Every structure is written in structure tokens, then in C-alpha cells.
């Protein structure tokens, strides 16, 4: 009977003891967590980095730095490019290209004269002769003596019936081989011109030479059509 009463009285005492113990432990843990925040300088650097959060005081500094950078001048690379562009434009506008003179060959290699065979100086013998003009040389008297094959024109039948007579002037070009390569009637009756051209296109000449080279010759040929009475 007395033992049961003792157990009933010990139960409230144990509960209060446990509550006081839990309160003391919680106070110690809270003090251990709050103390580093109140006195960070007393902690070692390693523990300080673990317990202390990043300081918020640096944020305004970064913001001010960002604002100052954004409000600063244009980046240096763009300025350098602008200077380069301006520098190139100045060189182009102020360059005295017209005053550049070629080097004097006589000062570099000495007096011109007989030199090494095959060299530029020894092979130079004065101005290059001008070649013959490409257009045909106009002549008429000389080519009459060079005619080696002559075809007589056929008198047109219609011209005979109409008793048409006259002269046809043919302008022709003789090739380097002596053949007529082009012939045109410059003046004369139309009925007689076709017969004159057909005959002249078959004529052959000796080649005409100029500076020992055969050339084309432009000549005028007169063809007379006369009826026998």
C-alpha cells in the first residue's frame, strides 16, 4: 500500500525534471547559435565562413558599380576602331601619290652599253618599231601590174536589149594571198554593176608586200561596158 503511494508521488517530480532539463538544453543550443551572430570576430575564420551568411552591405556597392559602369564612356574597342578608320581616311586624303617617281635605272646599274648577253640592258636596242596598220593600204595603179588572172564580165542581156552602156566603179579588198575578199559597186548602172562584181570577184593578184610582210590592199577597179555598133 505504501509502495504504490510513493510511485504516485514520484511521477510529477520526474515530469518537472524532464521539462527543466529540456529547457536548459534548448537555451544552450540557442546561445550557441546566437553567439556567433553577435560576436563574429571571436570565431575562427573557418567557422566564421560556415556560420555567417554573406553580408548584405556589399550589394549596394555592386549596384553602384554597375550603375557607374553603365553610365561610363563607350568601350575602348569601339574607340580604337574609330581611330583606325579616321587614320586610314587621313592617309588616303593626304597621300601625295603624284609625287612618287620611278627609280633611275642609270643610277642603279650604271651606264647603258654592251652588257651580259640576254640581260634586260643588253637586249634593249631602242624603241620598238610600230607595226604596219591593220587596215588595208589603198592603191590602184600599182595593183594593175600585179593582176595575174582576169575574168571579162558578161554583158547583161537586158542591158544589150536596152542599149545601156556605162562605167562601173568597183571598190575591192585584196587579201594577203591575192584574192578578192570583198567587192562593192560604188558607182554605175544597176544592170551593169552585178555583172562587173561577178567578174571582179574572180580576179587574182600577186600579194602586195610592205616591210617584207604581205598585207591586204584596198583598190578601185573601173569596168567599162561598151556596145559594138
C-alpha atoms as a PDB file:
ATOM      1  CA  UNK A   1       0.000   0.000   0.000  1.00  0.00           C
ATOM      2  CA  UNK A   2       2.795   2.442   0.934  1.00  0.00           C
ATOM      3  CA  UNK A   3       4.848   1.460  -2.113  1.00  0.00           C
ATOM      4  CA  UNK A   4       2.025   2.370  -4.511  1.00  0.00           C
ATOM      5  CA  UNK A   5       1.607   5.783  -2.919  1.00  0.00           C
ATOM      6  CA  UNK A   6       5.331   6.525  -3.330  1.00  0.00           C
ATOM      7  CA  UNK A   7       5.190   5.782  -7.033  1.00  0.00           C
ATOM      8  CA  UNK A   8       2.247   8.141  -7.498  1.00  0.00           C
ATOM      9  CA  UNK A   9       4.137  10.999  -5.823  1.00  0.00           C
ATOM     10  CA  UNK A  10       7.353  10.413  -7.881  1.00  0.00           C
ATOM     11  CA  UNK A  11       5.581  10.784 -11.258  1.00  0.00           C
ATOM     12  CA  UNK A  12       5.047  14.632 -11.145  1.00  0.00           C
ATOM     13  CA  UNK A  13       8.602  15.134  -9.955  1.00  0.00           C
ATOM     14  CA  UNK A  14      10.005  13.280 -12.954  1.00  0.00           C
ATOM     15  CA  UNK A  15       7.937  15.344 -15.369  1.00  0.00           C
ATOM     16  CA  UNK A  16       9.202  18.620 -13.938  1.00  0.00           C
ATOM     17  CA  UNK A  17      12.769  17.379 -14.028  1.00  0.00           C
ATOM     18  CA  UNK A  18      12.495  16.423 -17.679  1.00  0.00           C
ATOM     19  CA  UNK A  19      10.898  19.779 -18.550  1.00  0.00           C
ATOM     20  CA  UNK A  20      13.671  21.731 -16.810  1.00  0.00           C
ATOM     21  CA  UNK A  21      16.354  19.623 -18.489  1.00  0.00           C
ATOM     22  CA  UNK A  22      14.830  20.159 -21.954  1.00  0.00           C
ATOM     23  CA  UNK A  23      14.568  23.913 -21.322  1.00  0.00           C
ATOM     24  CA  UNK A  24      18.214  24.177 -20.290  1.00  0.00           C
ATOM     25  CA  UNK A  25      19.362  22.208 -23.339  1.00  0.00           C
ATOM     26  CA  UNK A  26      17.311  24.402 -25.648  1.00  0.00           C
ATOM     27  CA  UNK A  27      18.756  27.523 -24.055  1.00  0.00           C
ATOM     28  CA  UNK A  28      22.306  26.250 -24.503  1.00  0.00           C
ATOM     29  CA  UNK A  29      21.717  25.360 -28.152  1.00  0.00           C
ATOM     30  CA  UNK A  30      20.126  28.750 -28.824  1.00  0.00           C
ATOM     31  CA  UNK A  31      23.003  30.546 -27.136  1.00  0.00           C
ATOM     32  CA  UNK A  32      25.479  28.568 -29.232  1.00  0.00           C
ATOM     33  CA  UNK A  33      23.676  29.643 -32.421  1.00  0.00           C
ATOM     34  CA  UNK A  34      23.137  33.275 -31.445  1.00  0.00           C
ATOM     35  CA  UNK A  35      26.604  33.954 -30.063  1.00  0.00           C
ATOM     36  CA  UNK A  36      28.433  33.735 -33.444  1.00  0.00           C
ATOM     37  CA  UNK A  37      25.976  36.218 -34.906  1.00  0.00           C
ATOM     38  CA  UNK A  38      26.502  38.700 -32.081  1.00  0.00           C
ATOM     39  CA  UNK A  39      30.279  38.343 -31.844  1.00  0.00           C
ATOM     40  CA  UNK A  40      31.588  37.144 -35.254  1.00  0.00           C
ATOM     41  CA  UNK A  41      35.095  38.495 -34.659  1.00  0.00           C
ATOM     42  CA  UNK A  42      35.626  35.973 -31.824  1.00  0.00           C
ATOM     43  CA  UNK A  43      35.172  32.970 -34.143  1.00  0.00           C
ATOM     44  CA  UNK A  44      37.948  31.328 -36.209  1.00  0.00           C
ATOM     45  CA  UNK A  45      37.900  32.164 -39.952  1.00  0.00           C
ATOM     46  CA  UNK A  46      36.812  28.663 -40.965  1.00  0.00           C
ATOM     47  CA  UNK A  47      33.853  28.598 -38.561  1.00  0.00           C
ATOM     48  CA  UNK A  48      33.020  32.222 -39.433  1.00  0.00           C
ATOM     49  CA  UNK A  49      32.590  31.325 -43.121  1.00  0.00           C
ATOM     50  CA  UNK A  50      30.281  28.444 -42.177  1.00  0.00           C
ATOM     51  CA  UNK A  51      28.028  30.246 -39.718  1.00  0.00           C
ATOM     52  CA  UNK A  52      27.951  33.762 -41.118  1.00  0.00           C
ATOM     53  CA  UNK A  53      25.848  34.487 -44.232  1.00  0.00           C
ATOM     54  CA  UNK A  54      27.028  36.811 -46.980  1.00  0.00           C
ATOM     55  CA  UNK A  55      26.930  40.415 -45.910  1.00  0.00           C
ATOM     56  CA  UNK A  56      24.171  42.467 -47.445  1.00  0.00           C
ATOM     57  CA  UNK A  57      26.247  45.597 -47.210  1.00  0.00           C
ATOM     58  CA  UNK A  58      28.151  44.676 -50.386  1.00  0.00           C
ATOM     59  CA  UNK A  59      25.050  44.643 -52.555  1.00  0.00           C
ATOM     60  CA  UNK A  60      24.650  48.436 -52.710  1.00  0.00           C
ATOM     61  CA  UNK A  61      28.320  48.723 -53.645  1.00  0.00           C
ATOM     62  CA  UNK A  62      27.868  46.306 -56.555  1.00  0.00           C
ATOM     63  CA  UNK A  63      24.752  48.159 -57.617  1.00  0.00           C
ATOM     64  CA  UNK A  64      26.604  51.429 -57.550  1.00  0.00           C
ATOM     65  CA  UNK A  65      29.445  49.900 -59.533  1.00  0.00           C
ATOM     66  CA  UNK A  66      27.058  48.564 -62.144  1.00  0.00           C
ATOM     67  CA  UNK A  67      25.367  51.934 -62.407  1.00  0.00           C
ATOM     68  CA  UNK A  68      28.690  53.692 -62.722  1.00  0.00           C
ATOM     69  CA  UNK A  69      29.862  51.258 -65.417  1.00  0.00           C
ATOM     70  CA  UNK A  70      26.658  51.608 -67.407  1.00  0.00           C
ATOM     71  CA  UNK A  71      26.932  55.377 -67.292  1.00  0.00           C
ATOM     72  CA  UNK A  72      30.604  55.326 -68.318  1.00  0.00           C
ATOM     73  CA  UNK A  73      32.115  56.072 -71.755  1.00  0.00           C
ATOM     74  CA  UNK A  74      31.886  53.891 -74.892  1.00  0.00           C
ATOM     75  CA  UNK A  75      34.001  50.682 -74.685  1.00  0.00           C
ATOM     76  CA  UNK A  76      37.619  51.137 -75.701  1.00  0.00           C
ATOM     77  CA  UNK A  77      37.398  48.730 -78.636  1.00  0.00           C
ATOM     78  CA  UNK A  78      34.924  50.948 -80.464  1.00  0.00           C
ATOM     79  CA  UNK A  79      37.098  53.986 -79.850  1.00  0.00           C
ATOM     80  CA  UNK A  80      40.111  52.163 -81.272  1.00  0.00           C
ATOM     81  CA  UNK A  81      38.166  51.197 -84.383  1.00  0.00           C
ATOM     82  CA  UNK A  82      37.069  54.776 -84.871  1.00  0.00           C
ATOM     83  CA  UNK A  83      40.657  55.970 -84.577  1.00  0.00           C
ATOM     84  CA  UNK A  84      41.744  53.365 -87.091  1.00  0.00           C
ATOM     85  CA  UNK A  85      39.077  54.429 -89.541  1.00  0.00           C
ATOM     86  CA  UNK A  86      39.971  58.078 -89.159  1.00  0.00           C
ATOM     87  CA  UNK A  87      43.660  57.274 -89.534  1.00  0.00           C
ATOM     88  CA  UNK A  88      43.088  55.371 -92.780  1.00  0.00           C
ATOM     89  CA  UNK A  89      40.935  58.167 -94.169  1.00  0.00           C
ATOM     90  CA  UNK A  90      43.612  60.741 -93.324  1.00  0.00           C
ATOM     91  CA  UNK A  91      46.290  58.724 -95.093  1.00  0.00           C
ATOM     92  CA  UNK A  92      44.119  58.350 -98.168  1.00  0.00           C
ATOM     93  CA  UNK A  93      43.260  62.047 -98.402  1.00  0.00           C
ATOM     94  CA  UNK A  94      46.752  63.381 -97.668  1.00  0.00           C
ATOM     95  CA  UNK A  95      48.849  60.886 -99.654  1.00  0.00           C
ATOM     96  CA  UNK A  96      50.892  62.584-102.380  1.00  0.00           C
ATOM     97  CA  UNK A  97      50.665  59.798-104.918  1.00  0.00           C
ATOM     98  CA  UNK A  98      51.532  62.073-107.815  1.00  0.00           C
ATOM     99  CA  UNK A  99      54.985  62.873-106.410  1.00  0.00           C
ATOM    100  CA  UNK A 100      56.185  59.252-106.446  1.00  0.00           C
ATOM    101  CA  UNK A 101      58.844  58.841-109.118  1.00  0.00           C
ATOM    102  CA  UNK A 102      60.227  55.581-110.531  1.00  0.00           C
ATOM    103  CA  UNK A 103      63.857  54.791-109.700  1.00  0.00           C
ATOM    104  CA  UNK A 104      66.519  55.932-112.116  1.00  0.00           C
ATOM    105  CA  UNK A 105      67.871  52.840-113.849  1.00  0.00           C
ATOM    106  CA  UNK A 106      71.125  54.581-114.772  1.00  0.00           C
ATOM    107  CA  UNK A 107      71.870  55.264-111.105  1.00  0.00           C
ATOM    108  CA  UNK A 108      71.230  51.666-110.179  1.00  0.00           C
ATOM    109  CA  UNK A 109      73.132  49.744-112.842  1.00  0.00           C
ATOM    110  CA  UNK A 110      75.481  52.348-114.308  1.00  0.00           C
ATOM    111  CA  UNK A 111      75.975  53.473-117.884  1.00  0.00           C
ATOM    112  CA  UNK A 112      73.969  51.685-120.527  1.00  0.00           C
ATOM    113  CA  UNK A 113      76.004  49.770-123.028  1.00  0.00           C
ATOM    114  CA  UNK A 114      77.066  46.271-124.034  1.00  0.00           C
ATOM    115  CA  UNK A 115      76.453  44.007-121.098  1.00  0.00           C
ATOM    116  CA  UNK A 116      75.717  40.427-120.292  1.00  0.00           C
ATOM    117  CA  UNK A 117      74.037  38.680-123.227  1.00  0.00           C
ATOM    118  CA  UNK A 118      70.391  38.018-122.556  1.00  0.00           C
ATOM    119  CA  UNK A 119      70.095  40.696-119.862  1.00  0.00           C
ATOM    120  CA  UNK A 120      67.471  43.417-119.938  1.00  0.00           C
ATOM    121  CA  UNK A 121      70.011  46.190-120.509  1.00  0.00           C
ATOM    122  CA  UNK A 122      71.951  44.425-123.257  1.00  0.00           C
ATOM    123  CA  UNK A 123      68.776  43.392-125.110  1.00  0.00           C
ATOM    124  CA  UNK A 124      67.394  46.947-125.149  1.00  0.00           C
ATOM    125  CA  UNK A 125      68.077  48.473-128.549  1.00  0.00           C
ATOM    126  CA  UNK A 126      65.738  51.451-128.663  1.00  0.00           C
ATOM    127  CA  UNK A 127      62.025  51.906-129.267  1.00  0.00           C
ATOM    128  CA  UNK A 128      60.072  49.005-130.712  1.00  0.00           C
ATOM    129  CA  UNK A 129      59.131  49.634-134.372  1.00  0.00           C
ATOM    130  CA  UNK A 130      55.479  50.366-134.917  1.00  0.00           C
ATOM    131  CA  UNK A 131      53.785  47.508-136.812  1.00  0.00           C
ATOM    132  CA  UNK A 132      52.016  48.061-140.077  1.00  0.00           C
ATOM    133  CA  UNK A 133      48.468  49.404-139.804  1.00  0.00           C
ATOM    134  CA  UNK A 134      45.823  46.670-139.783  1.00  0.00           C
ATOM    135  CA  UNK A 135      43.559  48.448-142.271  1.00  0.00           C
ATOM    136  CA  UNK A 136      44.214  47.819-145.987  1.00  0.00           C
ATOM    137  CA  UNK A 137      46.550  50.104-147.906  1.00  0.00           C
ATOM    138  CA  UNK A 138      44.710  51.992-150.623  1.00  0.00           C
ATOM    139  CA  UNK A 139      46.248  51.806-154.083  1.00  0.00           C
ATOM    140  CA  UNK A 140      45.062  51.435-157.672  1.00  0.00           C
ATOM    141  CA  UNK A 141      47.873  51.921-160.180  1.00  0.00           C
ATOM    142  CA  UNK A 142      50.334  49.503-158.632  1.00  0.00           C
ATOM    143  CA  UNK A 143      47.846  46.647-158.430  1.00  0.00           C
ATOM    144  CA  UNK A 144      47.184  46.734-162.173  1.00  0.00           C
ATOM    145  CA  UNK A 145      50.657  45.332-162.763  1.00  0.00           C
ATOM    146  CA  UNK A 146      50.114  42.593-160.151  1.00  0.00           C
ATOM    147  CA  UNK A 147      46.976  41.240-161.810  1.00  0.00           C
ATOM    148  CA  UNK A 148      47.685  37.626-162.825  1.00  0.00           C
ATOM    149  CA  UNK A 149      44.159  36.333-163.550  1.00  0.00           C
ATOM    150  CA  UNK A 150      41.475  38.478-165.166  1.00  0.00           C
ATOM    151  CA  UNK A 151      37.909  37.467-165.982  1.00  0.00           C
ATOM    152  CA  UNK A 152      35.962  39.518-168.538  1.00  0.00           C
ATOM    153  CA  UNK A 153      32.463  40.496-167.399  1.00  0.00           C
ATOM    154  CA  UNK A 154      29.449  39.149-169.281  1.00  0.00           C
ATOM    155  CA  UNK A 155      27.353  41.889-170.842  1.00  0.00           C
ATOM    156  CA  UNK A 156      23.855  41.620-169.356  1.00  0.00           C
ATOM    157  CA  UNK A 157      21.184  40.618-171.884  1.00  0.00           C
ATOM    158  CA  UNK A 158      18.707  43.191-170.645  1.00  0.00           C
ATOM    159  CA  UNK A 159      21.339  45.943-170.950  1.00  0.00           C
ATOM    160  CA  UNK A 160      22.049  44.894-174.534  1.00  0.00           C
ATOM    161  CA  UNK A 161      18.387  44.990-175.469  1.00  0.00           C
ATOM    162  CA  UNK A 162      18.003  48.422-173.914  1.00  0.00           C
ATOM    163  CA  UNK A 163      21.332  49.598-175.391  1.00  0.00           C
ATOM    164  CA  UNK A 164      22.651  50.561-171.979  1.00  0.00           C
ATOM    165  CA  UNK A 165      26.319  51.468-171.795  1.00  0.00           C
ATOM    166  CA  UNK A 166      28.367  52.889-168.971  1.00  0.00           C
ATOM    167  CA  UNK A 167      31.118  52.577-166.397  1.00  0.00           C
ATOM    168  CA  UNK A 168      31.000  50.723-163.071  1.00  0.00           C
ATOM    169  CA  UNK A 169      33.422  51.678-160.291  1.00  0.00           C
ATOM    170  CA  UNK A 170      34.164  48.700-158.019  1.00  0.00           C
ATOM    171  CA  UNK A 171      35.831  49.091-154.636  1.00  0.00           C
ATOM    172  CA  UNK A 172      37.580  45.865-153.635  1.00  0.00           C
ATOM    173  CA  UNK A 173      39.905  44.498-150.959  1.00  0.00           C
ATOM    174  CA  UNK A 174      42.696  42.117-151.951  1.00  0.00           C
ATOM    175  CA  UNK A 175      43.766  39.609-149.302  1.00  0.00           C
ATOM    176  CA  UNK A 176      47.342  38.700-148.351  1.00  0.00           C
ATOM    177  CA  UNK A 177      47.056  35.739-150.718  1.00  0.00           C
ATOM    178  CA  UNK A 178      45.989  37.978-153.646  1.00  0.00           C
ATOM    179  CA  UNK A 179      42.285  37.053-153.738  1.00  0.00           C
ATOM    180  CA  UNK A 180      39.327  39.440-153.764  1.00  0.00           C
ATOM    181  CA  UNK A 181      37.714  39.060-150.350  1.00  0.00           C
ATOM    182  CA  UNK A 182      35.236  41.933-150.680  1.00  0.00           C
ATOM    183  CA  UNK A 183      33.853  43.903-153.613  1.00  0.00           C
ATOM    184  CA  UNK A 184      31.227  46.639-153.738  1.00  0.00           C
ATOM    185  CA  UNK A 185      29.881  48.756-156.592  1.00  0.00           C
ATOM    186  CA  UNK A 186      30.490  52.415-155.769  1.00  0.00           C
ATOM    187  CA  UNK A 187      29.027  53.922-158.922  1.00  0.00           C
ATOM    188  CA  UNK A 188      27.354  52.781-162.172  1.00  0.00           C
ATOM    189  CA  UNK A 189      24.185  51.373-163.720  1.00  0.00           C
ATOM    190  CA  UNK A 190      22.411  48.736-161.633  1.00  0.00           C
ATOM    191  CA  UNK A 191      22.072  46.316-164.563  1.00  0.00           C
ATOM    192  CA  UNK A 192      25.814  46.563-165.261  1.00  0.00           C
ATOM    193  CA  UNK A 193      27.015  46.528-161.624  1.00  0.00           C
ATOM    194  CA  UNK A 194      26.084  42.903-160.914  1.00  0.00           C
ATOM    195  CA  UNK A 195      27.991  41.678-163.963  1.00  0.00           C
ATOM    196  CA  UNK A 196      31.034  43.747-163.023  1.00  0.00           C
ATOM    197  CA  UNK A 197      31.065  42.396-159.444  1.00  0.00           C
ATOM    198  CA  UNK A 198      30.694  38.797-160.605  1.00  0.00           C
ATOM    199  CA  UNK A 199      33.770  39.171-162.826  1.00  0.00           C
ATOM    200  CA  UNK A 200      35.973  41.132-160.388  1.00  0.00           C
ATOM    201  CA  UNK A 201      35.429  38.613-157.565  1.00  0.00           C
ATOM    202  CA  UNK A 202      37.254  36.033-159.704  1.00  0.00           C
ATOM    203  CA  UNK A 203      40.372  38.131-160.304  1.00  0.00           C
ATOM    204  CA  UNK A 204      43.691  37.134-158.737  1.00  0.00           C
ATOM    205  CA  UNK A 205      46.697  39.317-157.855  1.00  0.00           C
ATOM    206  CA  UNK A 206      50.213  38.847-156.660  1.00  0.00           C
ATOM    207  CA  UNK A 207      50.438  39.550-152.903  1.00  0.00           C
ATOM    208  CA  UNK A 208      51.424  43.078-152.001  1.00  0.00           C
ATOM    209  CA  UNK A 209      54.332  43.364-149.506  1.00  0.00           C
ATOM    210  CA  UNK A 210      55.072  46.097-147.007  1.00  0.00           C
ATOM    211  CA  UNK A 211      58.221  45.809-144.866  1.00  0.00           C
ATOM    212  CA  UNK A 212      58.663  42.299-146.251  1.00  0.00           C
ATOM    213  CA  UNK A 213      55.241  41.277-144.948  1.00  0.00           C
ATOM    214  CA  UNK A 214      52.158  40.551-147.115  1.00  0.00           C
ATOM    215  CA  UNK A 215      49.264  42.883-146.361  1.00  0.00           C
ATOM    216  CA  UNK A 216      45.705  43.464-147.504  1.00  0.00           C
ATOM    217  CA  UNK A 217      45.213  46.098-150.182  1.00  0.00           C
ATOM    218  CA  UNK A 218      42.197  48.247-150.937  1.00  0.00           C
ATOM    219  CA  UNK A 219      41.853  49.125-154.605  1.00  0.00           C
ATOM    220  CA  UNK A 220      39.386  50.651-157.055  1.00  0.00           C
ATOM    221  CA  UNK A 221      38.627  48.919-160.348  1.00  0.00           C
ATOM    222  CA  UNK A 222      36.902  50.588-163.272  1.00  0.00           C
ATOM    223  CA  UNK A 223      34.871  48.310-165.571  1.00  0.00           C
ATOM    224  CA  UNK A 224      33.651  49.806-168.859  1.00  0.00           C
ATOM    225  CA  UNK A 225      30.659  48.370-170.734  1.00  0.00           C
ATOM    226  CA  UNK A 226      30.573  49.433-174.416  1.00  0.00           C
ATOM    227  CA  UNK A 227      28.348  48.020-177.174  1.00  0.00           C
ATOM    228  CA  UNK A 228      29.858  47.471-180.627  1.00  0.00           C
ATOM    229  CA  UNK A 229      27.937  49.251-183.345  1.00  0.00           C
END
